[in-house]
Amino acid sequence: MPKLRGFLKFQLPALLWMALIFTASSDTHSYEHSSRFIEPLLHWLFPGMRQPDIERIHHVFRKGAHLTEYAILALLLWRALQVSKNELPAWSWPKVGGTMLLVLLYAAADEFHQSFVPTRTPLVADVFIDTAGGAIGLLGLWFKQQLRKQPQEKEP
C-alpha cells in the first residue's frame, strides 16, 4: 500500500500533466482554434489595435503557455523523482540534469506527435521553448530553496 500511495502522490500528478500536454497538442488546441477566442478578446479589450499586433500578442501568449506548461512539468517531474521525502529535496545538479533530460525528451516527443496532427506545426524552436520553460521552473525552485536557507544560516 505505501508504494501505491507514493505513486498516487508523486508520479501520478506528473503523468496526468504529461497527458494534459499531449491532449493540448491535438487539433482542438491549434493556433487556429485558440485564435477564435484570444483574438476577439484582444479586439474587445483594445478596439484600436491593429490586426498584426493582435496576432503578435496571440503568438506570444501561445509561446508563454509553452513555457508555463513545461515549467510545471519540470516541477512535477522533479517531485516525482524524489519519492522518498515529503519535503523539498536537496538541490543536486545530477537530479536537475535528469529532470531536464526528461523535459527535453517529452518536449521532442510532443513535437513529433504534432507532426501527425494536420492542423499543428511541429517546430524544433518549440522544443527549445519547452525546455527553457522547464529550466525556468527549476530555477524558480532553486531560488525558493535559497530563500528558505538564508534565515537559517543567519541564526547562531
C-alpha atoms as a PDB file:
ATOM      1  CA  MET A   1       0.000   0.000   0.000  1.00  0.00           C
ATOM      2  CA  PRO A   2       2.819   2.532   0.683  1.00  0.00           C
ATOM      3  CA  LYS A   3       4.088   2.084  -2.894  1.00  0.00           C
ATOM      4  CA  LEU A   4       0.624   2.802  -4.301  1.00  0.00           C
ATOM      5  CA  ARG A   5       0.298   5.844  -2.063  1.00  0.00           C
ATOM      6  CA  GLY A   6       3.719   7.072  -3.229  1.00  0.00           C
ATOM      7  CA  PHE A   7       2.737   6.542  -6.859  1.00  0.00           C
ATOM      8  CA  LEU A   8      -0.547   8.407  -6.411  1.00  0.00           C
ATOM      9  CA  LYS A   9       1.122  11.262  -4.562  1.00  0.00           C
ATOM     10  CA  PHE A  10       4.316  11.698  -6.587  1.00  0.00           C
ATOM     11  CA  GLN A  11       4.295  10.064 -10.028  1.00  0.00           C
ATOM     12  CA  LEU A  12       0.617  10.273 -10.967  1.00  0.00           C
ATOM     13  CA  PRO A  13       0.457  14.104 -10.995  1.00  0.00           C
ATOM     14  CA  ALA A  14       3.411  14.219 -13.413  1.00  0.00           C
ATOM     15  CA  LEU A  15       1.840  11.557 -15.638  1.00  0.00           C
ATOM     16  CA  LEU A  16      -1.506  13.369 -15.644  1.00  0.00           C
ATOM     17  CA  TRP A  17       0.216  16.638 -16.550  1.00  0.00           C
ATOM     18  CA  MET A  18       2.020  14.869 -19.402  1.00  0.00           C
ATOM     19  CA  ALA A  19      -1.342  13.562 -20.626  1.00  0.00           C
ATOM     20  CA  LEU A  20      -2.732  17.095 -20.479  1.00  0.00           C
ATOM     21  CA  ILE A  21       0.189  18.372 -22.567  1.00  0.00           C
ATOM     22  CA  PHE A  22      -0.380  15.528 -25.038  1.00  0.00           C
ATOM     23  CA  THR A  23      -4.056  16.440 -25.450  1.00  0.00           C
ATOM     24  CA  ALA A  24      -3.088  20.117 -25.845  1.00  0.00           C
ATOM     25  CA  SER A  25      -1.109  19.045 -28.911  1.00  0.00           C
ATOM     26  CA  SER A  26      -4.294  17.985 -30.641  1.00  0.00           C
ATOM     27  CA  ASP A  27      -6.283  19.841 -33.279  1.00  0.00           C
ATOM     28  CA  THR A  28      -8.604  21.419 -30.723  1.00  0.00           C
ATOM     29  CA  HIS A  29      -5.730  23.439 -29.264  1.00  0.00           C
ATOM     30  CA  SER A  30      -4.202  24.542 -32.559  1.00  0.00           C
ATOM     31  CA  TYR A  31      -3.338  28.145 -33.406  1.00  0.00           C
ATOM     32  CA  GLU A  32      -6.482  28.413 -35.496  1.00  0.00           C
ATOM     33  CA  HIS A  33      -8.740  27.298 -32.663  1.00  0.00           C
ATOM     34  CA  SER A  34      -7.135  29.451 -29.979  1.00  0.00           C
ATOM     35  CA  SER A  35      -7.305  32.476 -32.271  1.00  0.00           C
ATOM     36  CA  ARG A  36     -11.103  32.166 -32.242  1.00  0.00           C
ATOM     37  CA  PHE A  37     -11.065  33.073 -28.548  1.00  0.00           C
ATOM     38  CA  ILE A  38      -7.938  35.103 -27.914  1.00  0.00           C
ATOM     39  CA  GLU A  39      -8.104  37.467 -30.872  1.00  0.00           C
ATOM     40  CA  PRO A  40     -11.733  38.559 -30.337  1.00  0.00           C
ATOM     41  CA  LEU A  41     -10.933  39.113 -26.653  1.00  0.00           C
ATOM     42  CA  LEU A  42      -7.966  41.284 -27.598  1.00  0.00           C
ATOM     43  CA  HIS A  43     -10.092  43.225 -30.115  1.00  0.00           C
ATOM     44  CA  TRP A  44     -12.654  43.810 -27.371  1.00  0.00           C
ATOM     45  CA  LEU A  45     -10.019  44.904 -24.837  1.00  0.00           C
ATOM     46  CA  PHE A  46      -8.087  47.038 -27.345  1.00  0.00           C
ATOM     47  CA  PRO A  47     -10.516  48.105 -30.098  1.00  0.00           C
ATOM     48  CA  GLY A  48      -7.980  50.310 -31.875  1.00  0.00           C
ATOM     49  CA  MET A  49      -5.202  47.730 -32.031  1.00  0.00           C
ATOM     50  CA  ARG A  50      -4.081  46.675 -35.490  1.00  0.00           C
ATOM     51  CA  GLN A  51      -4.518  43.038 -36.580  1.00  0.00           C
ATOM     52  CA  PRO A  52      -0.754  42.319 -36.889  1.00  0.00           C
ATOM     53  CA  ASP A  53      -0.300  43.450 -33.282  1.00  0.00           C
ATOM     54  CA  ILE A  54      -3.215  41.265 -32.165  1.00  0.00           C
ATOM     55  CA  GLU A  55      -1.621  38.287 -33.929  1.00  0.00           C
ATOM     56  CA  ARG A  56       1.735  39.025 -32.338  1.00  0.00           C
ATOM     57  CA  ILE A  57       0.188  39.094 -28.853  1.00  0.00           C
ATOM     58  CA  HIS A  58      -1.642  35.862 -29.620  1.00  0.00           C
ATOM     59  CA  HIS A  59       1.656  34.277 -30.695  1.00  0.00           C
ATOM     60  CA  VAL A  60       3.432  35.461 -27.523  1.00  0.00           C
ATOM     61  CA  PHE A  61       0.533  34.170 -25.420  1.00  0.00           C
ATOM     62  CA  ARG A  62       0.824  30.708 -27.010  1.00  0.00           C
ATOM     63  CA  LYS A  63       4.605  30.587 -26.502  1.00  0.00           C
ATOM     64  CA  GLY A  64       4.113  31.732 -22.916  1.00  0.00           C
ATOM     65  CA  ALA A  65       1.723  28.819 -22.467  1.00  0.00           C
ATOM     66  CA  HIS A  66       4.524  26.506 -23.672  1.00  0.00           C
ATOM     67  CA  LEU A  67       6.901  27.970 -21.087  1.00  0.00           C
ATOM     68  CA  THR A  68       4.345  27.650 -18.318  1.00  0.00           C
ATOM     69  CA  GLU A  69       3.187  24.105 -19.037  1.00  0.00           C
ATOM     70  CA  TYR A  70       6.768  22.837 -19.203  1.00  0.00           C
ATOM     71  CA  ALA A  71       7.830  24.754 -16.084  1.00  0.00           C
ATOM     72  CA  ILE A  72       5.035  22.940 -14.267  1.00  0.00           C
ATOM     73  CA  LEU A  73       6.077  19.645 -15.864  1.00  0.00           C
ATOM     74  CA  ALA A  74       9.660  20.097 -14.672  1.00  0.00           C
ATOM     75  CA  LEU A  75       8.490  20.781 -11.114  1.00  0.00           C
ATOM     76  CA  LEU A  76       6.204  17.749 -11.141  1.00  0.00           C
ATOM     77  CA  LEU A  77       8.957  15.538 -12.581  1.00  0.00           C
ATOM     78  CA  TRP A  78      11.437  16.859 -10.002  1.00  0.00           C
ATOM     79  CA  ARG A  79       8.946  15.980  -7.287  1.00  0.00           C
ATOM     80  CA  ALA A  80       8.193  12.571  -8.821  1.00  0.00           C
ATOM     81  CA  LEU A  81      11.876  11.679  -8.830  1.00  0.00           C
ATOM     82  CA  GLN A  82      12.083  12.488  -5.093  1.00  0.00           C
ATOM     83  CA  VAL A  83       9.557   9.958  -3.788  1.00  0.00           C
ATOM     84  CA  SER A  84      11.475   9.224  -0.620  1.00  0.00           C
ATOM     85  CA  LYS A  85      10.764  12.594   1.035  1.00  0.00           C
ATOM     86  CA  ASN A  86       7.701  14.693   1.723  1.00  0.00           C
ATOM     87  CA  GLU A  87       9.766  17.881   1.785  1.00  0.00           C
ATOM     88  CA  LEU A  88      11.631  19.642  -0.978  1.00  0.00           C
ATOM     89  CA  PRO A  89      14.716  17.593  -1.806  1.00  0.00           C
ATOM     90  CA  ALA A  90      18.209  18.985  -1.521  1.00  0.00           C
ATOM     91  CA  TRP A  91      19.385  20.645  -4.706  1.00  0.00           C
ATOM     92  CA  SER A  92      21.508  18.358  -6.835  1.00  0.00           C
ATOM     93  CA  TRP A  93      22.820  19.141 -10.298  1.00  0.00           C
ATOM     94  CA  PRO A  94      22.634  15.483 -11.405  1.00  0.00           C
ATOM     95  CA  LYS A  95      18.962  15.435 -10.363  1.00  0.00           C
ATOM     96  CA  VAL A  96      18.409  18.689 -12.245  1.00  0.00           C
ATOM     97  CA  GLY A  97      20.110  17.194 -15.290  1.00  0.00           C
ATOM     98  CA  GLY A  98      17.912  14.111 -15.115  1.00  0.00           C
ATOM     99  CA  THR A  99      14.782  16.210 -14.793  1.00  0.00           C
ATOM    100  CA  MET A 100      15.820  18.461 -17.677  1.00  0.00           C
ATOM    101  CA  LEU A 101      16.587  15.419 -19.845  1.00  0.00           C
ATOM    102  CA  LEU A 102      13.065  14.120 -19.229  1.00  0.00           C
ATOM    103  CA  VAL A 103      11.609  17.544 -20.061  1.00  0.00           C
ATOM    104  CA  LEU A 104      13.646  17.735 -23.281  1.00  0.00           C
ATOM    105  CA  LEU A 105      12.668  14.212 -24.346  1.00  0.00           C
ATOM    106  CA  TYR A 106       8.998  14.833 -23.638  1.00  0.00           C
ATOM    107  CA  ALA A 107       9.084  18.159 -25.492  1.00  0.00           C
ATOM    108  CA  ALA A 108      10.665  16.443 -28.507  1.00  0.00           C
ATOM    109  CA  ALA A 109       8.112  13.622 -28.349  1.00  0.00           C
ATOM    110  CA  ASP A 110       5.314  16.189 -28.138  1.00  0.00           C
ATOM    111  CA  GLU A 111       6.539  17.966 -31.270  1.00  0.00           C
ATOM    112  CA  PHE A 112       6.887  14.605 -33.017  1.00  0.00           C
ATOM    113  CA  HIS A 113       3.278  13.857 -32.055  1.00  0.00           C
ATOM    114  CA  GLN A 114       2.249  17.189 -33.597  1.00  0.00           C
ATOM    115  CA  SER A 115       3.751  16.091 -36.933  1.00  0.00           C
ATOM    116  CA  PHE A 116       0.804  13.668 -37.215  1.00  0.00           C
ATOM    117  CA  VAL A 117      -1.828  16.339 -36.490  1.00  0.00           C
ATOM    118  CA  PRO A 118      -2.733  18.165 -39.725  1.00  0.00           C
ATOM    119  CA  THR A 119      -3.558  21.490 -38.062  1.00  0.00           C
ATOM    120  CA  ARG A 120      -0.393  21.551 -35.937  1.00  0.00           C
ATOM    121  CA  THR A 121       3.102  22.552 -36.963  1.00  0.00           C
ATOM    122  CA  PRO A 122       5.950  20.752 -35.214  1.00  0.00           C
ATOM    123  CA  LEU A 123       8.818  23.154 -34.553  1.00  0.00           C
ATOM    124  CA  VAL A 124      12.278  22.490 -33.166  1.00  0.00           C
ATOM    125  CA  ALA A 125      12.071  26.013 -31.727  1.00  0.00           C
ATOM    126  CA  ASP A 126       9.146  24.859 -29.565  1.00  0.00           C
ATOM    127  CA  VAL A 127      11.327  22.097 -28.102  1.00  0.00           C
ATOM    128  CA  PHE A 128      13.780  24.814 -27.047  1.00  0.00           C
ATOM    129  CA  ILE A 129      10.973  26.971 -25.637  1.00  0.00           C
ATOM    130  CA  ASP A 130       9.551  23.996 -23.733  1.00  0.00           C
ATOM    131  CA  THR A 131      12.971  23.071 -22.368  1.00  0.00           C
ATOM    132  CA  ALA A 132      13.564  26.686 -21.366  1.00  0.00           C
ATOM    133  CA  GLY A 133      10.240  26.564 -19.527  1.00  0.00           C
ATOM    134  CA  GLY A 134      11.460  23.513 -17.627  1.00  0.00           C
ATOM    135  CA  ALA A 135      14.680  25.313 -16.752  1.00  0.00           C
ATOM    136  CA  ILE A 136      12.726  28.363 -15.559  1.00  0.00           C
ATOM    137  CA  GLY A 137      10.587  26.152 -13.327  1.00  0.00           C
ATOM    138  CA  LEU A 138      13.630  24.515 -11.752  1.00  0.00           C
ATOM    139  CA  LEU A 139      15.393  27.858 -11.421  1.00  0.00           C
ATOM    140  CA  GLY A 140      12.371  29.180  -9.541  1.00  0.00           C
ATOM    141  CA  LEU A 141      12.557  26.159  -7.252  1.00  0.00           C
ATOM    142  CA  TRP A 142      16.264  26.773  -6.680  1.00  0.00           C
ATOM    143  CA  PHE A 143      15.571  30.419  -5.753  1.00  0.00           C
ATOM    144  CA  LYS A 144      12.828  29.302  -3.374  1.00  0.00           C
ATOM    145  CA  GLN A 145      15.208  26.880  -1.682  1.00  0.00           C
ATOM    146  CA  GLN A 146      17.882  29.580  -1.423  1.00  0.00           C
ATOM    147  CA  LEU A 147      15.417  31.925   0.263  1.00  0.00           C
ATOM    148  CA  ARG A 148      14.482  29.215   2.758  1.00  0.00           C
ATOM    149  CA  LYS A 149      18.137  28.647   3.637  1.00  0.00           C
ATOM    150  CA  GLN A 150      19.021  32.311   4.276  1.00  0.00           C
ATOM    151  CA  PRO A 151      17.192  32.826   7.596  1.00  0.00           C
ATOM    152  CA  GLN A 152      18.573  29.537   8.954  1.00  0.00           C
ATOM    153  CA  GLU A 153      22.144  30.419   8.007  1.00  0.00           C
ATOM    154  CA  LYS A 154      21.988  33.832   9.734  1.00  0.00           C
ATOM    155  CA  GLU A 155      20.898  32.407  13.088  1.00  0.00           C
ATOM    156  CA  PRO A 156      23.739  31.454  15.514  1.00  0.00           C
END
